[in-house]
Amino acid sequence: MAQLTGQMLIGSERVSGTGKAICAVDPRTGERLGPEYRYGGDAEVERACALAEEAFDAYRETGPEERAAFLDAIAGRLDDQAGELVRRAASETGLPVARLTGEVARTSGQLRLFASDLRAATVPGSTARYGANPPGGAGVAAGRRRASTPRARAAPRSGRGGCRSGPSRSSGRATSRWRSRWRAATPQPRSRRAAR
């Protein structure tokens, strides 16, 4: 795992915040865990949202296999760095190592599941996870598959999601533009009421 520096990662750039400093604390001992992190301001939020918008445009053009490979790569990196992630998370949260190890495994497993769903979605008549006999029939499984792809799950609901600007009011404009653009380009899952 890369060494913790106390900097934010905006795009591929390490940026030092200028706001109030915060530090993790081991809840078992009260020990302060370095490094210290500083809050970012409006400029950092605007930059992060602008880069997210640019990345969204490029990612939107990728096909299912490219997206699946991307998710598999993330899962692989999580697995490779699981030991260090678990050690740091245990000291920051006080949670048992066994539970945190399970959380990392569950997360990488879900990413691989989403990747396999993306690959299966390109096969006509595929029912993704359910094989030839999905519960409720093929039509029901197709609806489940559509709602369980990462893109559908990531779609904001009730105005939440996307870049969160925290207490800053002026950065809300960029966040709203980003959310509006996301919603316009992402198919929204049908509500249960509309499906009946």
N, C-alpha and C. Protein backbone atom coordinates (compact mmCIF):
# COMPACT_ATOMS: atom_id res chain seq x y z
N MET A 1 0.86 -1.17 0.00
CA MET A 1 0.00 0.00 0.00
C MET A 1 0.90 1.23 0.00
N ALA A 2 0.47 2.24 -0.72
CA ALA A 2 1.23 3.49 -0.75
C ALA A 2 1.27 4.09 0.65
N GLN A 3 2.36 4.74 0.95
CA GLN A 3 2.51 5.37 2.26
C GLN A 3 1.50 6.50 2.41
N LEU A 4 0.89 6.59 3.58
CA LEU A 4 -0.06 7.67 3.85
C LEU A 4 0.72 8.97 4.02
N THR A 5 0.27 10.01 3.31
CA THR A 5 1.01 11.27 3.32
C THR A 5 0.23 12.42 3.94
N GLY A 6 -1.05 12.24 4.17
CA GLY A 6 -1.86 13.34 4.69
C GLY A 6 -2.37 14.24 3.58
N GLN A 7 -2.23 13.81 2.35
CA GLN A 7 -2.69 14.61 1.22
C GLN A 7 -3.94 13.99 0.60
N MET A 8 -4.70 14.83 -0.08
CA MET A 8 -5.86 14.37 -0.84
C MET A 8 -5.36 13.92 -2.21
N LEU A 9 -6.10 13.02 -2.82
CA LEU A 9 -5.79 12.61 -4.18
C LEU A 9 -6.92 13.15 -5.06
N ILE A 10 -6.61 14.14 -5.88
CA ILE A 10 -7.60 14.75 -6.78
C ILE A 10 -7.11 14.47 -8.19
N GLY A 11 -7.84 13.62 -8.90
CA GLY A 11 -7.36 13.13 -10.18
C GLY A 11 -6.18 12.23 -9.89
N SER A 12 -5.05 12.51 -10.46
CA SER A 12 -3.85 11.71 -10.15
C SER A 12 -2.82 12.56 -9.42
N GLU A 13 -3.29 13.66 -8.86
CA GLU A 13 -2.41 14.62 -8.21
C GLU A 13 -2.59 14.59 -6.69
N ARG A 14 -1.50 14.61 -5.96
CA ARG A 14 -1.57 14.73 -4.50
C ARG A 14 -1.64 16.22 -4.14
N VAL A 15 -2.63 16.55 -3.33
CA VAL A 15 -2.88 17.95 -2.98
C VAL A 15 -2.98 18.07 -1.46
N SER A 16 -2.31 19.05 -0.90
CA SER A 16 -2.39 19.30 0.54
C SER A 16 -3.53 20.27 0.80
N GLY A 17 -4.36 19.94 1.76
CA GLY A 17 -5.44 20.83 2.14
C GLY A 17 -4.92 22.01 2.94
N THR A 18 -5.75 23.01 3.08
CA THR A 18 -5.34 24.21 3.81
C THR A 18 -6.25 24.48 5.01
N GLY A 19 -7.26 23.66 5.19
CA GLY A 19 -8.22 23.88 6.27
C GLY A 19 -7.79 23.25 7.58
N LYS A 20 -8.76 23.06 8.44
CA LYS A 20 -8.55 22.49 9.77
C LYS A 20 -7.91 21.10 9.65
N ALA A 21 -7.01 20.79 10.56
CA ALA A 21 -6.32 19.49 10.57
C ALA A 21 -7.12 18.48 11.37
N ILE A 22 -7.16 17.25 10.86
CA ILE A 22 -7.78 16.15 11.58
C ILE A 22 -6.79 14.98 11.59
N CYS A 23 -6.98 14.10 12.55
CA CYS A 23 -6.07 12.97 12.70
C CYS A 23 -6.88 11.78 13.20
N ALA A 24 -6.55 10.59 12.72
CA ALA A 24 -7.21 9.38 13.21
C ALA A 24 -6.73 9.09 14.63
N VAL A 25 -7.61 8.44 15.40
CA VAL A 25 -7.28 8.09 16.78
C VAL A 25 -7.64 6.62 16.99
N ASP A 26 -6.73 5.86 17.57
CA ASP A 26 -7.00 4.47 17.91
C ASP A 26 -7.99 4.46 19.07
N PRO A 27 -9.22 3.95 18.88
CA PRO A 27 -10.22 4.01 19.95
C PRO A 27 -9.88 3.13 21.15
N ARG A 28 -8.98 2.16 20.96
CA ARG A 28 -8.61 1.28 22.06
C ARG A 28 -7.60 1.92 23.00
N THR A 29 -6.73 2.77 22.44
CA THR A 29 -5.64 3.34 23.25
C THR A 29 -5.69 4.86 23.37
N GLY A 30 -6.44 5.51 22.48
CA GLY A 30 -6.46 6.96 22.46
C GLY A 30 -5.27 7.56 21.73
N GLU A 31 -4.39 6.71 21.19
CA GLU A 31 -3.20 7.18 20.48
C GLU A 31 -3.59 7.85 19.15
N ARG A 32 -2.99 9.01 18.90
CA ARG A 32 -3.21 9.70 17.62
C ARG A 32 -2.38 9.00 16.55
N LEU A 33 -3.02 8.73 15.43
CA LEU A 33 -2.37 8.03 14.33
C LEU A 33 -2.06 9.01 13.22
N GLY A 34 -0.81 9.10 12.84
CA GLY A 34 -0.43 9.99 11.75
C GLY A 34 -0.73 9.35 10.42
N PRO A 35 -0.70 10.11 9.39
CA PRO A 35 -0.41 11.54 9.35
C PRO A 35 -1.65 12.38 9.62
N GLU A 36 -1.42 13.66 9.73
CA GLU A 36 -2.49 14.64 9.88
C GLU A 36 -3.04 14.99 8.51
N TYR A 37 -4.35 15.13 8.41
CA TYR A 37 -5.00 15.53 7.15
C TYR A 37 -5.64 16.89 7.33
N ARG A 38 -5.62 17.69 6.29
CA ARG A 38 -6.26 19.01 6.34
C ARG A 38 -7.44 19.04 5.36
N TYR A 39 -8.50 19.70 5.78
CA TYR A 39 -9.67 19.85 4.94
C TYR A 39 -9.32 20.62 3.67
N GLY A 40 -9.99 20.27 2.58
CA GLY A 40 -9.87 21.02 1.34
C GLY A 40 -10.94 22.10 1.31
N GLY A 41 -10.77 23.05 0.43
CA GLY A 41 -11.73 24.14 0.30
C GLY A 41 -12.54 24.03 -0.98
N ASP A 42 -13.19 25.13 -1.33
CA ASP A 42 -14.04 25.17 -2.52
C ASP A 42 -13.26 24.85 -3.80
N ALA A 43 -12.04 25.32 -3.90
CA ALA A 43 -11.25 25.08 -5.11
C ALA A 43 -10.98 23.60 -5.31
N GLU A 44 -10.69 22.88 -4.22
CA GLU A 44 -10.44 21.44 -4.33
C GLU A 44 -11.71 20.69 -4.72
N VAL A 45 -12.84 21.10 -4.16
CA VAL A 45 -14.12 20.44 -4.49
C VAL A 45 -14.45 20.69 -5.96
N GLU A 46 -14.31 21.93 -6.41
CA GLU A 46 -14.58 22.26 -7.82
C GLU A 46 -13.69 21.44 -8.75
N ARG A 47 -12.41 21.35 -8.41
CA ARG A 47 -11.47 20.59 -9.24
C ARG A 47 -11.84 19.11 -9.27
N ALA A 48 -12.16 18.52 -8.13
CA ALA A 48 -12.54 17.10 -8.06
C ALA A 48 -13.79 16.83 -8.88
N CYS A 49 -14.78 17.72 -8.79
CA CYS A 49 -16.02 17.53 -9.56
C CYS A 49 -15.77 17.69 -11.06
N ALA A 50 -14.93 18.64 -11.44
CA ALA A 50 -14.62 18.83 -12.87
C ALA A 50 -13.91 17.59 -13.42
N LEU A 51 -12.97 17.05 -12.67
CA LEU A 51 -12.27 15.85 -13.12
C LEU A 51 -13.21 14.64 -13.18
N ALA A 52 -14.13 14.55 -12.23
CA ALA A 52 -15.10 13.45 -12.24
C ALA A 52 -15.98 13.55 -13.48
N GLU A 53 -16.36 14.76 -13.84
CA GLU A 53 -17.19 14.96 -15.03
C GLU A 53 -16.43 14.54 -16.29
N GLU A 54 -15.16 14.92 -16.38
CA GLU A 54 -14.33 14.52 -17.53
C GLU A 54 -14.19 13.01 -17.59
N ALA A 55 -13.92 12.39 -16.46
CA ALA A 55 -13.75 10.94 -16.42
C ALA A 55 -15.04 10.24 -16.78
N PHE A 56 -16.16 10.80 -16.36
CA PHE A 56 -17.45 10.20 -16.68
C PHE A 56 -17.66 10.15 -18.18
N ASP A 57 -17.34 11.24 -18.87
CA ASP A 57 -17.51 11.26 -20.33
C ASP A 57 -16.69 10.17 -20.99
N ALA A 58 -15.45 9.98 -20.56
CA ALA A 58 -14.59 8.95 -21.15
C ALA A 58 -15.08 7.56 -20.77
N TYR A 59 -15.44 7.35 -19.52
CA TYR A 59 -15.87 6.03 -19.05
C TYR A 59 -17.19 5.61 -19.70
N ARG A 60 -18.05 6.57 -19.96
CA ARG A 60 -19.35 6.29 -20.57
C ARG A 60 -19.18 5.65 -21.94
N GLU A 61 -18.08 5.93 -22.61
CA GLU A 61 -17.83 5.38 -23.94
C GLU A 61 -17.24 3.97 -23.92
N THR A 62 -16.90 3.46 -22.74
CA THR A 62 -16.31 2.12 -22.67
C THR A 62 -17.39 1.06 -22.77
N GLY A 63 -16.98 -0.11 -23.22
CA GLY A 63 -17.89 -1.24 -23.34
C GLY A 63 -17.91 -2.10 -22.09
N PRO A 64 -18.80 -3.09 -22.05
CA PRO A 64 -18.92 -3.95 -20.88
C PRO A 64 -17.62 -4.68 -20.51
N GLU A 65 -16.87 -5.15 -21.51
CA GLU A 65 -15.64 -5.88 -21.20
C GLU A 65 -14.60 -4.96 -20.57
N GLU A 66 -14.48 -3.73 -21.06
CA GLU A 66 -13.53 -2.78 -20.46
C GLU A 66 -13.93 -2.45 -19.02
N ARG A 67 -15.22 -2.28 -18.79
CA ARG A 67 -15.69 -1.98 -17.44
C ARG A 67 -15.47 -3.16 -16.52
N ALA A 68 -15.71 -4.36 -17.03
CA ALA A 68 -15.50 -5.57 -16.23
C ALA A 68 -14.02 -5.71 -15.87
N ALA A 69 -13.13 -5.46 -16.82
CA ALA A 69 -11.70 -5.54 -16.56
C ALA A 69 -11.29 -4.50 -15.51
N PHE A 70 -11.88 -3.31 -15.57
CA PHE A 70 -11.61 -2.25 -14.60
C PHE A 70 -12.00 -2.72 -13.20
N LEU A 71 -13.19 -3.30 -13.05
CA LEU A 71 -13.65 -3.79 -11.75
C LEU A 71 -12.77 -4.93 -11.25
N ASP A 72 -12.37 -5.83 -12.15
CA ASP A 72 -11.47 -6.92 -11.76
C ASP A 72 -10.13 -6.38 -11.27
N ALA A 73 -9.62 -5.34 -11.94
CA ALA A 73 -8.34 -4.75 -11.53
C ALA A 73 -8.44 -4.13 -10.14
N ILE A 74 -9.54 -3.46 -9.85
CA ILE A 74 -9.74 -2.88 -8.51
C ILE A 74 -9.78 -3.99 -7.47
N ALA A 75 -10.51 -5.06 -7.76
CA ALA A 75 -10.61 -6.19 -6.83
C ALA A 75 -9.23 -6.80 -6.58
N GLY A 76 -8.44 -6.93 -7.63
CA GLY A 76 -7.10 -7.48 -7.48
C GLY A 76 -6.21 -6.60 -6.60
N ARG A 77 -6.30 -5.29 -6.78
CA ARG A 77 -5.50 -4.37 -5.96
C ARG A 77 -5.93 -4.44 -4.49
N LEU A 78 -7.25 -4.54 -4.26
CA LEU A 78 -7.72 -4.68 -2.88
C LEU A 78 -7.15 -5.95 -2.25
N ASP A 79 -7.21 -7.06 -2.98
CA ASP A 79 -6.69 -8.32 -2.46
C ASP A 79 -5.18 -8.22 -2.19
N ASP A 80 -4.45 -7.58 -3.10
CA ASP A 80 -2.99 -7.45 -2.94
C ASP A 80 -2.62 -6.64 -1.70
N GLN A 81 -3.44 -5.67 -1.36
CA GLN A 81 -3.11 -4.77 -0.25
C GLN A 81 -3.97 -5.02 0.99
N ALA A 82 -4.66 -6.15 1.01
CA ALA A 82 -5.59 -6.45 2.10
C ALA A 82 -4.92 -6.40 3.48
N GLY A 83 -3.73 -6.97 3.61
CA GLY A 83 -3.06 -7.00 4.91
C GLY A 83 -2.84 -5.61 5.49
N GLU A 84 -2.30 -4.73 4.67
CA GLU A 84 -2.03 -3.36 5.14
C GLU A 84 -3.32 -2.58 5.40
N LEU A 85 -4.31 -2.77 4.52
CA LEU A 85 -5.60 -2.10 4.72
C LEU A 85 -6.24 -2.53 6.04
N VAL A 86 -6.22 -3.83 6.29
CA VAL A 86 -6.83 -4.37 7.50
C VAL A 86 -6.10 -3.86 8.75
N ARG A 87 -4.77 -3.85 8.73
CA ARG A 87 -4.02 -3.36 9.89
C ARG A 87 -4.37 -1.90 10.21
N ARG A 88 -4.40 -1.06 9.18
CA ARG A 88 -4.70 0.36 9.41
C ARG A 88 -6.15 0.53 9.86
N ALA A 89 -7.08 -0.16 9.21
CA ALA A 89 -8.49 -0.04 9.59
C ALA A 89 -8.71 -0.53 11.02
N ALA A 90 -8.02 -1.58 11.42
CA ALA A 90 -8.17 -2.10 12.79
C ALA A 90 -7.69 -1.06 13.81
N SER A 91 -6.57 -0.39 13.50
CA SER A 91 -6.09 0.61 14.46
C SER A 91 -6.94 1.87 14.45
N GLU A 92 -7.61 2.19 13.34
CA GLU A 92 -8.47 3.38 13.29
C GLU A 92 -9.86 3.13 13.87
N THR A 93 -10.35 1.90 13.80
CA THR A 93 -11.73 1.63 14.19
C THR A 93 -11.88 0.78 15.44
N GLY A 94 -10.84 0.01 15.76
CA GLY A 94 -10.94 -0.91 16.89
C GLY A 94 -11.70 -2.18 16.54
N LEU A 95 -12.08 -2.35 15.29
CA LEU A 95 -12.79 -3.56 14.87
C LEU A 95 -11.82 -4.74 14.81
N PRO A 96 -12.33 -5.96 15.02
CA PRO A 96 -11.46 -7.13 14.97
C PRO A 96 -10.90 -7.37 13.57
N VAL A 97 -9.67 -7.88 13.52
CA VAL A 97 -9.00 -8.15 12.24
C VAL A 97 -9.82 -9.12 11.39
N ALA A 98 -10.41 -10.15 12.02
CA ALA A 98 -11.18 -11.14 11.26
C ALA A 98 -12.36 -10.47 10.54
N ARG A 99 -13.05 -9.57 11.20
CA ARG A 99 -14.18 -8.90 10.57
C ARG A 99 -13.71 -8.04 9.40
N LEU A 100 -12.65 -7.28 9.60
CA LEU A 100 -12.14 -6.41 8.54
C LEU A 100 -11.60 -7.21 7.36
N THR A 101 -10.97 -8.35 7.63
CA THR A 101 -10.50 -9.23 6.56
C THR A 101 -11.69 -9.71 5.74
N GLY A 102 -12.77 -10.06 6.41
CA GLY A 102 -13.99 -10.47 5.72
C GLY A 102 -14.59 -9.34 4.89
N GLU A 103 -14.53 -8.12 5.39
CA GLU A 103 -15.05 -6.97 4.66
C GLU A 103 -14.28 -6.74 3.36
N VAL A 104 -12.95 -6.87 3.43
CA VAL A 104 -12.14 -6.69 2.22
C VAL A 104 -12.48 -7.79 1.21
N ALA A 105 -12.58 -9.03 1.69
CA ALA A 105 -12.91 -10.15 0.80
C ALA A 105 -14.30 -9.98 0.19
N ARG A 106 -15.26 -9.53 1.00
CA ARG A 106 -16.62 -9.31 0.49
C ARG A 106 -16.63 -8.23 -0.58
N THR A 107 -15.90 -7.16 -0.35
CA THR A 107 -15.86 -6.06 -1.31
C THR A 107 -15.23 -6.50 -2.63
N SER A 108 -14.09 -7.18 -2.57
CA SER A 108 -13.46 -7.62 -3.82
C SER A 108 -14.33 -8.67 -4.51
N GLY A 109 -15.02 -9.51 -3.73
CA GLY A 109 -15.94 -10.48 -4.31
C GLY A 109 -17.11 -9.82 -5.02
N GLN A 110 -17.65 -8.76 -4.44
CA GLN A 110 -18.75 -8.04 -5.08
C GLN A 110 -18.29 -7.37 -6.37
N LEU A 111 -17.10 -6.80 -6.35
CA LEU A 111 -16.58 -6.18 -7.58
C LEU A 111 -16.44 -7.22 -8.69
N ARG A 112 -15.97 -8.40 -8.34
CA ARG A 112 -15.84 -9.48 -9.35
C ARG A 112 -17.21 -9.95 -9.82
N LEU A 113 -18.18 -9.98 -8.91
CA LEU A 113 -19.55 -10.35 -9.28
C LEU A 113 -20.12 -9.34 -10.28
N PHE A 114 -19.93 -8.06 -10.01
CA PHE A 114 -20.40 -7.03 -10.93
C PHE A 114 -19.72 -7.17 -12.29
N ALA A 115 -18.42 -7.49 -12.26
CA ALA A 115 -17.68 -7.69 -13.52
C ALA A 115 -18.27 -8.86 -14.30
N SER A 116 -18.58 -9.95 -13.61
CA SER A 116 -19.16 -11.09 -14.32
C SER A 116 -20.56 -10.77 -14.83
N ASP A 117 -21.31 -9.96 -14.10
CA ASP A 117 -22.63 -9.53 -14.59
C ASP A 117 -22.49 -8.70 -15.86
N LEU A 118 -21.50 -7.82 -15.90
CA LEU A 118 -21.28 -7.02 -17.10
C LEU A 118 -20.94 -7.90 -18.29
N ARG A 119 -20.08 -8.89 -18.07
CA ARG A 119 -19.72 -9.80 -19.16
C ARG A 119 -20.92 -10.61 -19.61
N ALA A 120 -21.71 -11.09 -18.66
CA ALA A 120 -22.87 -11.91 -19.00
C ALA A 120 -23.95 -11.10 -19.71
N ALA A 121 -24.01 -9.82 -19.42
CA ALA A 121 -25.04 -8.97 -20.04
C ALA A 121 -24.84 -8.84 -21.54
N THR A 122 -23.63 -9.13 -22.02
CA THR A 122 -23.37 -9.03 -23.46
C THR A 122 -23.75 -10.31 -24.20
N VAL A 123 -24.12 -11.36 -23.46
CA VAL A 123 -24.51 -12.63 -24.07
C VAL A 123 -26.03 -12.64 -24.19
N PRO A 124 -26.59 -12.72 -25.42
CA PRO A 124 -28.05 -12.72 -25.58
C PRO A 124 -28.70 -13.86 -24.80
N GLY A 125 -29.78 -13.55 -24.08
CA GLY A 125 -30.51 -14.56 -23.33
C GLY A 125 -29.87 -14.94 -22.01
N SER A 126 -28.77 -14.29 -21.66
CA SER A 126 -28.07 -14.62 -20.43
C SER A 126 -28.89 -14.17 -19.23
N THR A 127 -28.83 -14.97 -18.19
CA THR A 127 -29.47 -14.59 -16.94
C THR A 127 -28.43 -14.34 -15.87
N ALA A 128 -27.23 -14.00 -16.27
CA ALA A 128 -26.11 -13.63 -15.39
C ALA A 128 -25.92 -14.63 -14.26
N ARG A 129 -26.16 -14.23 -13.03
CA ARG A 129 -25.84 -15.06 -11.87
C ARG A 129 -26.69 -16.30 -11.75
N TYR A 130 -27.88 -16.32 -12.34
CA TYR A 130 -28.84 -17.35 -12.03
C TYR A 130 -28.77 -18.57 -12.93
N GLY A 131 -27.95 -18.55 -13.95
CA GLY A 131 -27.84 -19.71 -14.83
C GLY A 131 -29.10 -19.92 -15.65
N ALA A 132 -29.41 -21.17 -15.98
CA ALA A 132 -30.53 -21.46 -16.87
C ALA A 132 -31.87 -21.37 -16.18
N ASN A 133 -31.94 -21.51 -14.87
CA ASN A 133 -33.22 -21.53 -14.15
C ASN A 133 -33.27 -20.47 -13.06
N PRO A 134 -33.38 -19.21 -13.43
CA PRO A 134 -33.41 -18.15 -12.41
C PRO A 134 -34.72 -18.20 -11.64
N PRO A 135 -34.69 -17.78 -10.38
CA PRO A 135 -35.95 -17.72 -9.62
C PRO A 135 -36.88 -16.72 -10.26
N GLY A 136 -38.11 -17.11 -10.52
CA GLY A 136 -39.10 -16.21 -11.10
C GLY A 136 -39.04 -16.14 -12.61
N GLY A 137 -38.18 -16.90 -13.27
CA GLY A 137 -38.13 -16.90 -14.73
C GLY A 137 -37.08 -15.95 -15.26
N ALA A 138 -36.78 -16.09 -16.55
CA ALA A 138 -35.71 -15.31 -17.18
C ALA A 138 -35.99 -13.82 -17.17
N GLY A 139 -37.25 -13.42 -17.36
CA GLY A 139 -37.59 -11.99 -17.38
C GLY A 139 -37.30 -11.33 -16.05
N VAL A 140 -37.60 -12.04 -14.96
CA VAL A 140 -37.34 -11.49 -13.63
C VAL A 140 -35.84 -11.35 -13.41
N ALA A 141 -35.09 -12.38 -13.80
CA ALA A 141 -33.64 -12.32 -13.61
C ALA A 141 -33.03 -11.20 -14.43
N ALA A 142 -33.54 -10.97 -15.64
CA ALA A 142 -33.00 -9.89 -16.46
C ALA A 142 -33.20 -8.55 -15.76
N GLY A 143 -34.37 -8.37 -15.13
CA GLY A 143 -34.62 -7.14 -14.39
C GLY A 143 -33.68 -7.00 -13.20
N ARG A 144 -33.42 -8.11 -12.51
CA ARG A 144 -32.49 -8.07 -11.39
C ARG A 144 -31.09 -7.75 -11.86
N ARG A 145 -30.70 -8.35 -12.96
CA ARG A 145 -29.35 -8.12 -13.47
C ARG A 145 -29.17 -6.65 -13.81
N ARG A 146 -30.17 -6.08 -14.47
CA ARG A 146 -30.05 -4.68 -14.87
C ARG A 146 -29.89 -3.80 -13.63
N ALA A 147 -30.62 -4.08 -12.58
CA ALA A 147 -30.54 -3.24 -11.38
C ALA A 147 -29.31 -3.53 -10.55
N SER A 148 -28.61 -4.64 -10.83
CA SER A 148 -27.46 -4.95 -9.99
C SER A 148 -26.14 -4.66 -10.68
N THR A 149 -26.18 -4.06 -11.86
CA THR A 149 -24.92 -3.67 -12.47
C THR A 149 -24.39 -2.44 -11.74
N PRO A 150 -23.08 -2.25 -11.72
CA PRO A 150 -22.53 -1.12 -10.97
C PRO A 150 -23.10 0.22 -11.41
N ARG A 151 -23.35 0.38 -12.70
CA ARG A 151 -23.86 1.65 -13.19
C ARG A 151 -25.24 1.94 -12.62
N ALA A 152 -26.12 0.92 -12.60
CA ALA A 152 -27.47 1.13 -12.07
C ALA A 152 -27.44 1.36 -10.56
N ARG A 153 -26.58 0.60 -9.87
CA ARG A 153 -26.50 0.78 -8.41
C ARG A 153 -25.95 2.15 -8.05
N ALA A 154 -25.05 2.66 -8.87
CA ALA A 154 -24.41 3.93 -8.56
C ALA A 154 -25.30 5.13 -8.88
N ALA A 155 -26.43 4.89 -9.56
CA ALA A 155 -27.30 6.00 -9.92
C ALA A 155 -27.83 6.68 -8.67
N PRO A 156 -27.70 7.98 -8.56
CA PRO A 156 -28.17 8.68 -7.37
C PRO A 156 -29.68 8.56 -7.22
N ARG A 157 -30.12 8.43 -6.00
CA ARG A 157 -31.55 8.38 -5.71
C ARG A 157 -31.85 9.47 -4.69
N SER A 158 -33.00 10.04 -4.76
CA SER A 158 -33.44 11.06 -3.81
C SER A 158 -32.45 12.21 -3.69
N GLY A 159 -31.78 12.55 -4.78
CA GLY A 159 -30.88 13.69 -4.77
C GLY A 159 -29.57 13.45 -4.06
N ARG A 160 -29.28 12.20 -3.66
CA ARG A 160 -28.01 11.93 -2.98
C ARG A 160 -27.06 11.26 -3.96
N GLY A 161 -25.78 11.31 -3.65
CA GLY A 161 -24.78 10.64 -4.47
C GLY A 161 -23.92 11.65 -5.19
N GLY A 162 -23.03 11.16 -6.05
CA GLY A 162 -22.14 12.06 -6.77
C GLY A 162 -21.13 12.69 -5.83
N CYS A 163 -20.58 13.80 -6.22
CA CYS A 163 -19.61 14.50 -5.37
C CYS A 163 -20.37 15.15 -4.22
N ARG A 164 -19.88 14.97 -3.05
CA ARG A 164 -20.52 15.61 -1.90
C ARG A 164 -19.64 16.75 -1.46
N SER A 165 -20.21 17.91 -1.35
CA SER A 165 -19.40 19.08 -1.07
C SER A 165 -19.31 19.41 0.40
N GLY A 166 -20.01 18.70 1.26
CA GLY A 166 -19.94 18.99 2.69
C GLY A 166 -20.55 20.34 3.01
N PRO A 167 -19.99 21.05 3.95
CA PRO A 167 -20.60 22.28 4.43
C PRO A 167 -20.48 23.46 3.47
N SER A 168 -19.66 23.35 2.45
CA SER A 168 -19.45 24.48 1.56
C SER A 168 -20.69 24.75 0.70
N ARG A 169 -21.13 25.98 0.62
CA ARG A 169 -22.31 26.31 -0.17
C ARG A 169 -21.97 26.63 -1.62
N SER A 170 -20.87 27.30 -1.88
CA SER A 170 -20.57 27.73 -3.24
C SER A 170 -20.20 26.56 -4.13
N SER A 171 -19.72 25.46 -3.56
CA SER A 171 -19.35 24.32 -4.40
C SER A 171 -20.58 23.52 -4.80
N GLY A 172 -21.75 23.84 -4.27
CA GLY A 172 -22.97 23.11 -4.61
C GLY A 172 -23.33 23.21 -6.08
N ARG A 173 -22.95 24.32 -6.75
CA ARG A 173 -23.28 24.48 -8.17
C ARG A 173 -22.61 23.40 -9.00
N ALA A 174 -21.34 23.15 -8.75
CA ALA A 174 -20.62 22.12 -9.51
C ALA A 174 -21.21 20.75 -9.21
N THR A 175 -21.54 20.50 -7.95
CA THR A 175 -22.11 19.22 -7.57
C THR A 175 -23.45 19.01 -8.26
N SER A 176 -24.29 20.03 -8.29
CA SER A 176 -25.60 19.91 -8.94
C SER A 176 -25.45 19.65 -10.43
N ARG A 177 -24.52 20.36 -11.09
CA ARG A 177 -24.29 20.11 -12.52
C ARG A 177 -23.86 18.69 -12.76
N TRP A 178 -22.97 18.19 -11.91
CA TRP A 178 -22.46 16.84 -12.08
C TRP A 178 -23.58 15.82 -11.88
N ARG A 179 -24.40 16.00 -10.84
CA ARG A 179 -25.51 15.07 -10.59
C ARG A 179 -26.50 15.09 -11.74
N SER A 180 -26.84 16.28 -12.24
CA SER A 180 -27.80 16.38 -13.34
C SER A 180 -27.28 15.66 -14.57
N ARG A 181 -26.01 15.83 -14.85
CA ARG A 181 -25.43 15.17 -16.02
C ARG A 181 -25.41 13.66 -15.83
N TRP A 182 -25.10 13.22 -14.62
CA TRP A 182 -25.09 11.79 -14.32
C TRP A 182 -26.47 11.19 -14.53
N ARG A 183 -27.49 11.83 -13.99
CA ARG A 183 -28.86 11.31 -14.12
C ARG A 183 -29.30 11.25 -15.57
N ALA A 184 -28.94 12.26 -16.35
CA ALA A 184 -29.36 12.31 -17.75
C ALA A 184 -28.73 11.18 -18.56
N ALA A 185 -27.54 10.76 -18.20
CA ALA A 185 -26.82 9.75 -18.98
C ALA A 185 -26.95 8.35 -18.41
N THR A 186 -27.53 8.19 -17.24
CA THR A 186 -27.61 6.88 -16.61
C THR A 186 -29.06 6.42 -16.57
N PRO A 187 -29.33 5.22 -17.11
CA PRO A 187 -30.70 4.71 -17.03
C PRO A 187 -31.10 4.52 -15.57
N GLN A 188 -32.23 5.02 -15.20
CA GLN A 188 -32.69 4.89 -13.82
C GLN A 188 -33.54 3.62 -13.68
N PRO A 189 -33.32 2.86 -12.59
CA PRO A 189 -34.14 1.67 -12.38
C PRO A 189 -35.59 2.07 -12.14
N ARG A 190 -36.49 1.25 -12.65
CA ARG A 190 -37.92 1.52 -12.45
C ARG A 190 -38.27 1.24 -11.00
N SER A 191 -39.19 2.01 -10.47
CA SER A 191 -39.62 1.78 -9.10
C SER A 191 -40.49 0.53 -9.07
N ARG A 192 -40.65 -0.06 -7.90
CA ARG A 192 -41.49 -1.26 -7.78
C ARG A 192 -42.94 -0.96 -8.16
N ARG A 193 -43.39 0.21 -7.79
CA ARG A 193 -44.77 0.57 -8.08
C ARG A 193 -44.99 0.65 -9.60
N ALA A 194 -44.04 1.24 -10.32
CA ALA A 194 -44.18 1.37 -11.78
C ALA A 194 -44.08 0.01 -12.47
N ALA A 195 -43.38 -0.94 -11.85
CA ALA A 195 -43.21 -2.25 -12.46
C ALA A 195 -44.46 -3.11 -12.34
N ARG A 196 -45.37 -2.79 -11.46
CA ARG A 196 -46.57 -3.62 -11.25
C ARG A 196 -47.59 -3.41 -12.30
